[in-house]
Amino acid sequence: MKQYFFLFFSNVLIDNFILVRFLGLCPFIGVSNNIKNATGMSLATSFVVILSSSILWLINYYILVPYNLIYLRIISYILIIAVIVQFLELFLRKMSPLLYRILGIFLPLITTNCAVLAIPLFSLYLNYTFLESIFYGLSASFGYTFIMIIFSSIRERVTVSDVPFIFQGAPIALITISLMSISFMGFQGVIKY
């Protein structure tokens, strides 16, 4: 139980995929204009990450490794992630057309989000079991969602603040991301492995 707590704590604060490993920055910057968009994108990405982590672990250990097809790992991972995203896109189009329109181009881009591919690959290279792999995906998704919501809250506040003209728009967003990243990198000394 203690191991799962440290894994969760580590993925949320210490080894956060956005602010420390710098993965998944495109949707992070593109959709974080407001909390509603950030929450929708985070939940969609989290769903894909958790589902793909479990499916890809099974495919790796029951198909790719036994049949010595390890060289097909990344291609098969991307293919399965694309199928999961297609199902998610069809589901959102049917059940929540507003969220589907808000997410726009970023929904199909979940397929090429490097964090979505990196999380199952990291759990594979860390030799996690099936449950650890799912928990790794869950905790990394929670960390992704946590940072998206925090950043979108800050970004909403900054848009109504008196920011000098030269810093308005992308510069203040990048400065904010930098400061957030520095603060989260400060957690790296908290847990010794």
N, C-alpha and C. Protein backbone atom coordinates (compact mmCIF):
# COMPACT_ATOMS: atom_id res chain seq x y z
N MET A 1 0.83 -1.20 0.00
CA MET A 1 0.00 0.00 0.00
C MET A 1 0.87 1.26 0.00
N LYS A 2 1.96 1.20 0.77
CA LYS A 2 2.86 2.33 0.85
C LYS A 2 3.49 2.62 -0.52
N GLN A 3 3.79 1.55 -1.25
CA GLN A 3 4.38 1.69 -2.59
C GLN A 3 3.43 2.43 -3.52
N TYR A 4 2.13 2.11 -3.47
CA TYR A 4 1.15 2.78 -4.32
C TYR A 4 0.99 4.25 -3.94
N PHE A 5 1.06 4.54 -2.64
CA PHE A 5 0.97 5.93 -2.22
C PHE A 5 2.14 6.74 -2.77
N PHE A 6 3.36 6.19 -2.66
CA PHE A 6 4.53 6.90 -3.17
C PHE A 6 4.49 7.03 -4.68
N LEU A 7 3.99 6.01 -5.36
CA LEU A 7 3.85 6.08 -6.82
C LEU A 7 2.87 7.17 -7.21
N PHE A 8 1.75 7.24 -6.51
CA PHE A 8 0.74 8.27 -6.79
C PHE A 8 1.30 9.66 -6.50
N PHE A 9 1.90 9.82 -5.34
CA PHE A 9 2.48 11.11 -4.94
C PHE A 9 3.56 11.54 -5.93
N SER A 10 4.36 10.59 -6.35
CA SER A 10 5.44 10.89 -7.29
C SER A 10 4.90 11.34 -8.64
N ASN A 11 3.90 10.66 -9.17
CA ASN A 11 3.37 11.03 -10.49
C ASN A 11 2.60 12.34 -10.47
N VAL A 12 2.04 12.70 -9.36
CA VAL A 12 1.29 13.95 -9.29
C VAL A 12 2.21 15.14 -9.08
N LEU A 13 3.16 15.02 -8.16
CA LEU A 13 3.97 16.18 -7.81
C LEU A 13 5.43 16.11 -8.27
N ILE A 14 6.08 14.97 -8.11
CA ILE A 14 7.51 14.90 -8.33
C ILE A 14 7.86 14.67 -9.79
N ASP A 15 7.28 13.67 -10.41
CA ASP A 15 7.57 13.33 -11.81
C ASP A 15 6.39 13.67 -12.71
N ASN A 16 5.80 14.81 -12.50
CA ASN A 16 4.63 15.20 -13.28
C ASN A 16 4.98 15.23 -14.76
N PHE A 17 4.10 14.66 -15.57
CA PHE A 17 4.40 14.52 -17.00
C PHE A 17 4.42 15.85 -17.74
N ILE A 18 3.70 16.83 -17.28
CA ILE A 18 3.69 18.12 -17.97
C ILE A 18 4.83 19.01 -17.49
N LEU A 19 4.92 19.22 -16.20
CA LEU A 19 5.84 20.23 -15.68
C LEU A 19 7.26 19.74 -15.43
N VAL A 20 7.45 18.45 -15.28
CA VAL A 20 8.79 17.94 -15.00
C VAL A 20 9.34 17.16 -16.19
N ARG A 21 8.52 16.33 -16.80
CA ARG A 21 8.99 15.57 -17.96
C ARG A 21 8.68 16.27 -19.28
N PHE A 22 7.91 17.32 -19.26
CA PHE A 22 7.57 18.15 -20.41
C PHE A 22 6.94 17.34 -21.55
N LEU A 23 6.00 16.48 -21.21
CA LEU A 23 5.26 15.70 -22.21
C LEU A 23 3.81 16.16 -22.23
N GLY A 24 3.21 16.22 -23.39
CA GLY A 24 1.82 16.63 -23.51
C GLY A 24 1.62 18.12 -23.46
N LEU A 25 2.60 18.88 -23.90
CA LEU A 25 2.51 20.34 -23.80
C LEU A 25 1.56 20.97 -24.82
N CYS A 26 1.39 20.36 -25.98
CA CYS A 26 0.53 20.95 -27.02
C CYS A 26 -0.91 21.13 -26.53
N PRO A 27 -1.58 20.07 -26.05
CA PRO A 27 -2.94 20.30 -25.54
C PRO A 27 -2.94 21.10 -24.24
N PHE A 28 -1.85 21.00 -23.48
CA PHE A 28 -1.75 21.75 -22.23
C PHE A 28 -1.84 23.25 -22.50
N ILE A 29 -1.12 23.72 -23.48
CA ILE A 29 -1.13 25.14 -23.80
C ILE A 29 -2.36 25.50 -24.63
N GLY A 30 -2.77 24.62 -25.54
CA GLY A 30 -3.84 24.93 -26.47
C GLY A 30 -5.24 24.94 -25.88
N VAL A 31 -5.51 24.12 -24.88
CA VAL A 31 -6.88 23.98 -24.38
C VAL A 31 -7.07 24.61 -23.01
N SER A 32 -6.02 25.14 -22.43
CA SER A 32 -6.12 25.62 -21.05
C SER A 32 -6.59 27.07 -20.96
N ASN A 33 -7.37 27.53 -21.91
CA ASN A 33 -7.89 28.91 -21.85
C ASN A 33 -8.84 29.12 -20.68
N ASN A 34 -9.67 28.10 -20.41
CA ASN A 34 -10.57 28.19 -19.27
C ASN A 34 -10.72 26.82 -18.61
N ILE A 35 -11.30 26.81 -17.44
CA ILE A 35 -11.38 25.58 -16.65
C ILE A 35 -12.25 24.52 -17.33
N LYS A 36 -13.31 24.94 -17.98
CA LYS A 36 -14.20 23.98 -18.62
C LYS A 36 -13.48 23.21 -19.72
N ASN A 37 -12.77 23.90 -20.59
CA ASN A 37 -12.03 23.24 -21.66
C ASN A 37 -10.93 22.34 -21.09
N ALA A 38 -10.22 22.85 -20.08
CA ALA A 38 -9.13 22.08 -19.49
C ALA A 38 -9.65 20.82 -18.81
N THR A 39 -10.78 20.92 -18.14
CA THR A 39 -11.35 19.75 -17.48
C THR A 39 -11.80 18.72 -18.50
N GLY A 40 -12.46 19.16 -19.55
CA GLY A 40 -12.91 18.24 -20.60
C GLY A 40 -11.75 17.53 -21.27
N MET A 41 -10.72 18.27 -21.62
CA MET A 41 -9.54 17.67 -22.26
C MET A 41 -8.82 16.74 -21.30
N SER A 42 -8.72 17.13 -20.04
CA SER A 42 -8.05 16.29 -19.05
C SER A 42 -8.78 14.98 -18.84
N LEU A 43 -10.09 15.04 -18.75
CA LEU A 43 -10.86 13.82 -18.54
C LEU A 43 -10.79 12.90 -19.75
N ALA A 44 -10.85 13.49 -20.94
CA ALA A 44 -10.73 12.69 -22.17
C ALA A 44 -9.35 12.03 -22.25
N THR A 45 -8.31 12.79 -21.96
CA THR A 45 -6.95 12.25 -21.99
C THR A 45 -6.77 11.19 -20.91
N SER A 46 -7.32 11.44 -19.73
CA SER A 46 -7.21 10.47 -18.63
C SER A 46 -7.89 9.16 -18.99
N PHE A 47 -9.06 9.25 -19.60
CA PHE A 47 -9.77 8.04 -20.01
C PHE A 47 -8.91 7.23 -20.99
N VAL A 48 -8.34 7.91 -21.97
CA VAL A 48 -7.52 7.23 -22.97
C VAL A 48 -6.27 6.64 -22.32
N VAL A 49 -5.63 7.36 -21.42
CA VAL A 49 -4.41 6.88 -20.77
C VAL A 49 -4.69 5.64 -19.93
N ILE A 50 -5.73 5.68 -19.12
CA ILE A 50 -6.03 4.55 -18.23
C ILE A 50 -6.42 3.32 -19.05
N LEU A 51 -7.28 3.51 -20.04
CA LEU A 51 -7.69 2.38 -20.86
C LEU A 51 -6.53 1.84 -21.68
N SER A 52 -5.74 2.72 -22.26
CA SER A 52 -4.62 2.25 -23.08
C SER A 52 -3.54 1.60 -22.23
N SER A 53 -3.33 2.07 -21.01
CA SER A 53 -2.33 1.44 -20.14
C SER A 53 -2.67 -0.02 -19.87
N SER A 54 -3.94 -0.29 -19.60
CA SER A 54 -4.33 -1.67 -19.33
C SER A 54 -4.30 -2.53 -20.60
N ILE A 55 -4.84 -2.02 -21.68
CA ILE A 55 -4.89 -2.80 -22.93
C ILE A 55 -3.48 -3.03 -23.48
N LEU A 56 -2.65 -2.02 -23.44
CA LEU A 56 -1.30 -2.16 -23.99
C LEU A 56 -0.44 -3.08 -23.15
N TRP A 57 -0.64 -3.10 -21.84
CA TRP A 57 0.11 -4.05 -21.02
C TRP A 57 -0.27 -5.48 -21.41
N LEU A 58 -1.56 -5.71 -21.57
CA LEU A 58 -2.02 -7.06 -21.96
C LEU A 58 -1.48 -7.45 -23.33
N ILE A 59 -1.54 -6.55 -24.28
CA ILE A 59 -1.04 -6.85 -25.62
C ILE A 59 0.46 -7.12 -25.60
N ASN A 60 1.18 -6.34 -24.80
CA ASN A 60 2.63 -6.55 -24.75
C ASN A 60 2.98 -7.91 -24.18
N TYR A 61 2.37 -8.27 -23.04
CA TYR A 61 2.76 -9.50 -22.36
C TYR A 61 2.07 -10.76 -22.87
N TYR A 62 0.99 -10.63 -23.64
CA TYR A 62 0.32 -11.82 -24.15
C TYR A 62 0.42 -11.99 -25.66
N ILE A 63 0.87 -10.96 -26.37
CA ILE A 63 1.01 -11.09 -27.82
C ILE A 63 2.42 -10.76 -28.28
N LEU A 64 2.90 -9.57 -27.96
CA LEU A 64 4.18 -9.12 -28.50
C LEU A 64 5.38 -9.89 -27.96
N VAL A 65 5.45 -10.08 -26.66
CA VAL A 65 6.59 -10.78 -26.07
C VAL A 65 6.58 -12.27 -26.40
N PRO A 66 5.45 -12.99 -26.22
CA PRO A 66 5.49 -14.43 -26.52
C PRO A 66 5.78 -14.76 -27.99
N TYR A 67 5.33 -13.92 -28.90
CA TYR A 67 5.55 -14.19 -30.32
C TYR A 67 6.76 -13.43 -30.88
N ASN A 68 7.56 -12.87 -29.98
CA ASN A 68 8.78 -12.16 -30.35
C ASN A 68 8.52 -11.05 -31.38
N LEU A 69 7.50 -10.26 -31.12
CA LEU A 69 7.13 -9.15 -32.00
C LEU A 69 7.38 -7.80 -31.32
N ILE A 70 8.39 -7.75 -30.50
CA ILE A 70 8.68 -6.54 -29.73
C ILE A 70 8.96 -5.35 -30.64
N TYR A 71 9.50 -5.60 -31.82
CA TYR A 71 9.80 -4.51 -32.75
C TYR A 71 8.54 -3.81 -33.24
N LEU A 72 7.37 -4.41 -33.04
CA LEU A 72 6.10 -3.80 -33.43
C LEU A 72 5.44 -3.04 -32.27
N ARG A 73 6.14 -2.90 -31.18
CA ARG A 73 5.54 -2.33 -29.97
C ARG A 73 5.00 -0.92 -30.20
N ILE A 74 5.79 -0.01 -30.67
CA ILE A 74 5.35 1.39 -30.79
C ILE A 74 4.26 1.52 -31.84
N ILE A 75 4.39 0.82 -32.95
CA ILE A 75 3.36 0.89 -34.00
C ILE A 75 2.03 0.36 -33.47
N SER A 76 2.08 -0.77 -32.78
CA SER A 76 0.83 -1.33 -32.26
C SER A 76 0.26 -0.46 -31.16
N TYR A 77 1.11 0.14 -30.33
CA TYR A 77 0.63 1.04 -29.28
C TYR A 77 -0.09 2.24 -29.89
N ILE A 78 0.51 2.84 -30.89
CA ILE A 78 -0.12 4.00 -31.53
C ILE A 78 -1.44 3.61 -32.19
N LEU A 79 -1.48 2.46 -32.82
CA LEU A 79 -2.71 1.99 -33.46
C LEU A 79 -3.83 1.79 -32.43
N ILE A 80 -3.51 1.17 -31.32
CA ILE A 80 -4.54 0.93 -30.30
C ILE A 80 -4.98 2.24 -29.64
N ILE A 81 -4.05 3.15 -29.40
CA ILE A 81 -4.42 4.46 -28.86
C ILE A 81 -5.33 5.19 -29.84
N ALA A 82 -5.04 5.10 -31.13
CA ALA A 82 -5.89 5.75 -32.14
C ALA A 82 -7.30 5.17 -32.13
N VAL A 83 -7.41 3.86 -31.97
CA VAL A 83 -8.74 3.23 -31.92
C VAL A 83 -9.50 3.68 -30.68
N ILE A 84 -8.83 3.75 -29.55
CA ILE A 84 -9.48 4.21 -28.32
C ILE A 84 -9.95 5.66 -28.47
N VAL A 85 -9.12 6.50 -29.07
CA VAL A 85 -9.50 7.90 -29.27
C VAL A 85 -10.68 8.01 -30.23
N GLN A 86 -10.72 7.18 -31.26
CA GLN A 86 -11.86 7.20 -32.19
C GLN A 86 -13.16 6.86 -31.47
N PHE A 87 -13.11 5.83 -30.61
CA PHE A 87 -14.30 5.48 -29.83
C PHE A 87 -14.70 6.61 -28.90
N LEU A 88 -13.72 7.25 -28.28
CA LEU A 88 -14.01 8.39 -27.40
C LEU A 88 -14.62 9.54 -28.20
N GLU A 89 -14.09 9.79 -29.38
CA GLU A 89 -14.62 10.86 -30.22
C GLU A 89 -16.06 10.59 -30.64
N LEU A 90 -16.36 9.36 -31.03
CA LEU A 90 -17.74 8.99 -31.38
C LEU A 90 -18.67 9.12 -30.18
N PHE A 91 -18.18 8.71 -29.01
CA PHE A 91 -18.97 8.81 -27.79
C PHE A 91 -19.28 10.26 -27.45
N LEU A 92 -18.26 11.12 -27.49
CA LEU A 92 -18.48 12.54 -27.15
C LEU A 92 -19.37 13.23 -28.19
N ARG A 93 -19.22 12.89 -29.44
CA ARG A 93 -20.07 13.50 -30.48
C ARG A 93 -21.53 13.16 -30.23
N LYS A 94 -21.78 11.95 -29.75
CA LYS A 94 -23.16 11.50 -29.52
C LYS A 94 -23.71 12.01 -28.18
N MET A 95 -22.87 11.93 -27.12
CA MET A 95 -23.36 12.23 -25.78
C MET A 95 -23.18 13.68 -25.34
N SER A 96 -22.14 14.34 -25.81
CA SER A 96 -21.88 15.72 -25.41
C SER A 96 -21.37 16.53 -26.59
N PRO A 97 -22.28 16.94 -27.48
CA PRO A 97 -21.85 17.69 -28.68
C PRO A 97 -21.15 19.00 -28.34
N LEU A 98 -21.54 19.63 -27.23
CA LEU A 98 -20.90 20.88 -26.84
C LEU A 98 -19.43 20.66 -26.50
N LEU A 99 -19.16 19.66 -25.67
CA LEU A 99 -17.77 19.35 -25.32
C LEU A 99 -16.99 18.90 -26.55
N TYR A 100 -17.65 18.17 -27.43
CA TYR A 100 -17.00 17.74 -28.67
C TYR A 100 -16.58 18.95 -29.51
N ARG A 101 -17.45 19.97 -29.60
CA ARG A 101 -17.11 21.18 -30.37
C ARG A 101 -16.03 22.01 -29.67
N ILE A 102 -16.08 22.07 -28.34
CA ILE A 102 -15.10 22.85 -27.59
C ILE A 102 -13.70 22.25 -27.76
N LEU A 103 -13.60 20.94 -27.64
CA LEU A 103 -12.29 20.31 -27.75
C LEU A 103 -11.75 20.36 -29.18
N GLY A 104 -12.66 20.35 -30.15
CA GLY A 104 -12.27 20.55 -31.54
C GLY A 104 -11.14 19.67 -32.01
N ILE A 105 -10.10 20.29 -32.55
CA ILE A 105 -8.99 19.57 -33.13
C ILE A 105 -8.15 18.84 -32.09
N PHE A 106 -8.24 19.27 -30.82
CA PHE A 106 -7.42 18.66 -29.79
C PHE A 106 -7.87 17.24 -29.43
N LEU A 107 -9.12 16.91 -29.71
CA LEU A 107 -9.59 15.56 -29.41
C LEU A 107 -8.89 14.51 -30.27
N PRO A 108 -8.83 14.67 -31.60
CA PRO A 108 -8.06 13.68 -32.37
C PRO A 108 -6.56 13.75 -32.09
N LEU A 109 -6.09 14.89 -31.60
CA LEU A 109 -4.66 15.01 -31.30
C LEU A 109 -4.25 14.26 -30.04
N ILE A 110 -5.22 13.73 -29.28
CA ILE A 110 -4.88 12.88 -28.14
C ILE A 110 -4.09 11.68 -28.65
N THR A 111 -4.40 11.25 -29.87
CA THR A 111 -3.69 10.11 -30.45
C THR A 111 -2.19 10.37 -30.52
N THR A 112 -1.82 11.57 -30.89
CA THR A 112 -0.40 11.89 -31.04
C THR A 112 0.17 12.60 -29.82
N ASN A 113 -0.60 12.69 -28.74
CA ASN A 113 -0.09 13.28 -27.51
C ASN A 113 1.01 12.36 -26.96
N CYS A 114 2.19 12.90 -26.83
CA CYS A 114 3.32 12.07 -26.42
C CYS A 114 3.15 11.51 -25.01
N ALA A 115 2.41 12.19 -24.15
CA ALA A 115 2.19 11.68 -22.80
C ALA A 115 1.33 10.42 -22.82
N VAL A 116 0.37 10.35 -23.74
CA VAL A 116 -0.50 9.18 -23.83
C VAL A 116 0.31 7.94 -24.23
N LEU A 117 1.29 8.11 -25.09
CA LEU A 117 2.15 6.99 -25.49
C LEU A 117 3.24 6.74 -24.45
N ALA A 118 3.74 7.78 -23.82
CA ALA A 118 4.86 7.64 -22.88
C ALA A 118 4.46 6.91 -21.60
N ILE A 119 3.25 7.12 -21.13
CA ILE A 119 2.85 6.51 -19.85
C ILE A 119 2.85 4.99 -19.94
N PRO A 120 2.23 4.36 -20.96
CA PRO A 120 2.35 2.89 -21.06
C PRO A 120 3.79 2.42 -21.31
N LEU A 121 4.56 3.20 -22.07
CA LEU A 121 5.95 2.80 -22.31
C LEU A 121 6.79 2.89 -21.04
N PHE A 122 6.60 3.93 -20.23
CA PHE A 122 7.33 4.05 -18.97
C PHE A 122 6.95 2.90 -18.03
N SER A 123 5.67 2.59 -17.95
CA SER A 123 5.27 1.49 -17.06
C SER A 123 5.84 0.16 -17.55
N LEU A 124 6.00 0.02 -18.85
CA LEU A 124 6.61 -1.18 -19.40
C LEU A 124 8.09 -1.25 -19.04
N TYR A 125 8.80 -0.14 -19.23
CA TYR A 125 10.24 -0.12 -18.96
C TYR A 125 10.55 -0.18 -17.47
N LEU A 126 9.61 0.18 -16.64
CA LEU A 126 9.78 0.07 -15.19
C LEU A 126 9.36 -1.30 -14.67
N ASN A 127 8.97 -2.20 -15.59
CA ASN A 127 8.57 -3.58 -15.26
C ASN A 127 7.42 -3.64 -14.26
N TYR A 128 6.42 -2.81 -14.47
CA TYR A 128 5.26 -2.84 -13.59
C TYR A 128 4.36 -4.01 -13.92
N THR A 129 3.69 -4.51 -12.89
CA THR A 129 2.69 -5.54 -13.10
C THR A 129 1.45 -4.90 -13.71
N PHE A 130 0.44 -5.70 -13.99
CA PHE A 130 -0.79 -5.19 -14.59
C PHE A 130 -1.44 -4.14 -13.70
N LEU A 131 -1.60 -4.44 -12.42
CA LEU A 131 -2.24 -3.48 -11.51
C LEU A 131 -1.37 -2.23 -11.32
N GLU A 132 -0.06 -2.41 -11.22
CA GLU A 132 0.82 -1.25 -11.08
C GLU A 132 0.78 -0.38 -12.33
N SER A 133 0.66 -1.02 -13.48
CA SER A 133 0.58 -0.27 -14.74
C SER A 133 -0.70 0.56 -14.80
N ILE A 134 -1.82 -0.03 -14.39
CA ILE A 134 -3.08 0.72 -14.36
C ILE A 134 -2.99 1.86 -13.35
N PHE A 135 -2.42 1.59 -12.18
CA PHE A 135 -2.28 2.62 -11.16
C PHE A 135 -1.34 3.72 -11.61
N TYR A 136 -0.28 3.35 -12.33
CA TYR A 136 0.64 4.33 -12.88
C TYR A 136 -0.08 5.25 -13.87
N GLY A 137 -0.91 4.65 -14.74
CA GLY A 137 -1.70 5.45 -15.67
C GLY A 137 -2.71 6.33 -14.96
N LEU A 138 -3.34 5.80 -13.92
CA LEU A 138 -4.31 6.58 -13.15
C LEU A 138 -3.65 7.75 -12.44
N SER A 139 -2.52 7.50 -11.80
CA SER A 139 -1.85 8.58 -11.07
C SER A 139 -1.25 9.62 -12.01
N ALA A 140 -0.70 9.18 -13.14
CA ALA A 140 -0.18 10.13 -14.13
C ALA A 140 -1.31 10.97 -14.71
N SER A 141 -2.47 10.35 -14.93
CA SER A 141 -3.64 11.08 -15.43
C SER A 141 -4.14 12.09 -14.41
N PHE A 142 -4.13 11.71 -13.15
CA PHE A 142 -4.54 12.65 -12.10
C PHE A 142 -3.58 13.83 -12.05
N GLY A 143 -2.28 13.56 -12.17
CA GLY A 143 -1.30 14.65 -12.20
C GLY A 143 -1.50 15.56 -13.40
N TYR A 144 -1.81 14.96 -14.55
CA TYR A 144 -2.09 15.73 -15.77
C TYR A 144 -3.31 16.62 -15.57
N THR A 145 -4.38 16.05 -15.02
CA THR A 145 -5.61 16.80 -14.77
C THR A 145 -5.37 17.91 -13.74
N PHE A 146 -4.65 17.59 -12.70
CA PHE A 146 -4.34 18.55 -11.64
C PHE A 146 -3.64 19.78 -12.21
N ILE A 147 -2.62 19.56 -13.02
CA ILE A 147 -1.85 20.67 -13.59
C ILE A 147 -2.68 21.44 -14.60
N MET A 148 -3.48 20.74 -15.41
CA MET A 148 -4.32 21.43 -16.40
C MET A 148 -5.30 22.37 -15.71
N ILE A 149 -5.91 21.92 -14.62
CA ILE A 149 -6.90 22.75 -13.93
C ILE A 149 -6.22 23.92 -13.22
N ILE A 150 -5.08 23.66 -12.59
CA ILE A 150 -4.36 24.76 -11.93
C ILE A 150 -3.95 25.82 -12.95
N PHE A 151 -3.36 25.36 -14.07
CA PHE A 151 -2.89 26.32 -15.07
C PHE A 151 -4.05 27.09 -15.71
N SER A 152 -5.16 26.40 -15.98
CA SER A 152 -6.29 27.10 -16.58
C SER A 152 -6.88 28.13 -15.60
N SER A 153 -6.85 27.82 -14.31
CA SER A 153 -7.32 28.79 -13.31
C SER A 153 -6.42 30.02 -13.29
N ILE A 154 -5.13 29.79 -13.32
CA ILE A 154 -4.18 30.91 -13.34
C ILE A 154 -4.34 31.70 -14.63
N ARG A 155 -4.51 31.00 -15.72
CA ARG A 155 -4.63 31.68 -17.03
C ARG A 155 -5.89 32.53 -17.10
N GLU A 156 -7.00 32.04 -16.54
CA GLU A 156 -8.22 32.84 -16.51
C GLU A 156 -8.00 34.11 -15.69
N ARG A 157 -7.29 33.97 -14.60
CA ARG A 157 -7.02 35.13 -13.73
C ARG A 157 -6.09 36.13 -14.42
N VAL A 158 -5.10 35.62 -15.16
CA VAL A 158 -4.14 36.49 -15.84
C VAL A 158 -4.80 37.27 -16.96
N THR A 159 -5.79 36.69 -17.64
CA THR A 159 -6.44 37.39 -18.75
C THR A 159 -7.21 38.63 -18.29
N VAL A 160 -7.65 38.65 -17.05
CA VAL A 160 -8.36 39.83 -16.54
C VAL A 160 -7.45 40.74 -15.72
N SER A 161 -6.19 40.36 -15.60
CA SER A 161 -5.22 41.17 -14.84
C SER A 161 -4.60 42.23 -15.73
N ASP A 162 -3.96 43.17 -15.09
CA ASP A 162 -3.27 44.23 -15.80
C ASP A 162 -1.84 43.77 -16.12
N VAL A 163 -1.69 43.11 -17.26
CA VAL A 163 -0.40 42.59 -17.70
C VAL A 163 0.17 43.57 -18.71
N PRO A 164 1.45 43.93 -18.62
CA PRO A 164 2.04 44.82 -19.62
C PRO A 164 1.85 44.26 -21.03
N PHE A 165 1.69 45.16 -21.99
CA PHE A 165 1.38 44.77 -23.36
C PHE A 165 2.36 43.77 -23.93
N ILE A 166 3.63 43.95 -23.66
CA ILE A 166 4.65 43.08 -24.24
C ILE A 166 4.55 41.63 -23.72
N PHE A 167 3.93 41.43 -22.55
CA PHE A 167 3.81 40.10 -21.96
C PHE A 167 2.45 39.46 -22.20
N GLN A 168 1.52 40.15 -22.82
CA GLN A 168 0.18 39.60 -23.01
C GLN A 168 0.19 38.43 -23.98
N GLY A 169 -0.68 37.46 -23.71
CA GLY A 169 -0.81 36.29 -24.58
C GLY A 169 0.17 35.19 -24.24
N ALA A 170 0.87 34.72 -25.26
CA ALA A 170 1.79 33.58 -25.09
C ALA A 170 2.95 33.86 -24.13
N PRO A 171 3.56 35.06 -24.14
CA PRO A 171 4.69 35.25 -23.21
C PRO A 171 4.33 35.05 -21.74
N ILE A 172 3.21 35.60 -21.30
CA ILE A 172 2.84 35.45 -19.89
C ILE A 172 2.45 34.00 -19.59
N ALA A 173 1.88 33.32 -20.57
CA ALA A 173 1.55 31.89 -20.39
C ALA A 173 2.83 31.08 -20.22
N LEU A 174 3.83 31.34 -21.04
CA LEU A 174 5.10 30.60 -20.94
C LEU A 174 5.85 30.93 -19.65
N ILE A 175 5.78 32.18 -19.22
CA ILE A 175 6.40 32.54 -17.95
C ILE A 175 5.70 31.83 -16.80
N THR A 176 4.39 31.77 -16.86
CA THR A 176 3.61 31.08 -15.82
C THR A 176 3.96 29.59 -15.78
N ILE A 177 4.04 28.98 -16.95
CA ILE A 177 4.41 27.56 -17.02
C ILE A 177 5.81 27.35 -16.44
N SER A 178 6.73 28.25 -16.75
CA SER A 178 8.09 28.13 -16.23
C SER A 178 8.12 28.20 -14.71
N LEU A 179 7.39 29.14 -14.16
CA LEU A 179 7.36 29.28 -12.70
C LEU A 179 6.69 28.07 -12.03
N MET A 180 5.63 27.57 -12.65
CA MET A 180 4.98 26.37 -12.13
C MET A 180 5.94 25.18 -12.19
N SER A 181 6.66 25.05 -13.29
CA SER A 181 7.60 23.95 -13.46
C SER A 181 8.71 24.01 -12.41
N ILE A 182 9.23 25.20 -12.18
CA ILE A 182 10.28 25.36 -11.17
C ILE A 182 9.76 24.96 -9.79
N SER A 183 8.54 25.37 -9.48
CA SER A 183 7.98 25.05 -8.17
C SER A 183 7.75 23.54 -8.02
N PHE A 184 7.32 22.87 -9.09
CA PHE A 184 7.10 21.42 -9.00
C PHE A 184 8.41 20.65 -9.00
N MET A 185 9.44 21.19 -9.64
CA MET A 185 10.74 20.53 -9.58
C MET A 185 11.33 20.60 -8.17
N GLY A 186 10.85 21.54 -7.37
CA GLY A 186 11.28 21.63 -5.98
C GLY A 186 10.85 20.44 -5.15
N PHE A 187 9.84 19.70 -5.60
CA PHE A 187 9.39 18.50 -4.88
C PHE A 187 10.33 17.32 -5.06
N GLN A 188 11.29 17.41 -5.97
CA GLN A 188 12.11 16.26 -6.30
C GLN A 188 12.96 15.75 -5.15
N GLY A 189 13.25 16.57 -4.17
CA GLY A 189 14.03 16.13 -3.02
C GLY A 189 13.18 15.55 -1.91
N VAL A 190 11.85 15.51 -2.08
CA VAL A 190 10.96 15.10 -1.01
C VAL A 190 11.03 13.60 -0.76
N ILE A 191 10.98 12.78 -1.81
CA ILE A 191 10.95 11.33 -1.66
C ILE A 191 12.25 10.76 -2.22
N LYS A 192 12.93 9.97 -1.42
CA LYS A 192 14.12 9.26 -1.88
C LYS A 192 13.69 7.84 -2.22
N TYR A 193 14.05 7.39 -3.40
CA TYR A 193 13.66 6.04 -3.83
C TYR A 193 14.58 4.99 -3.25
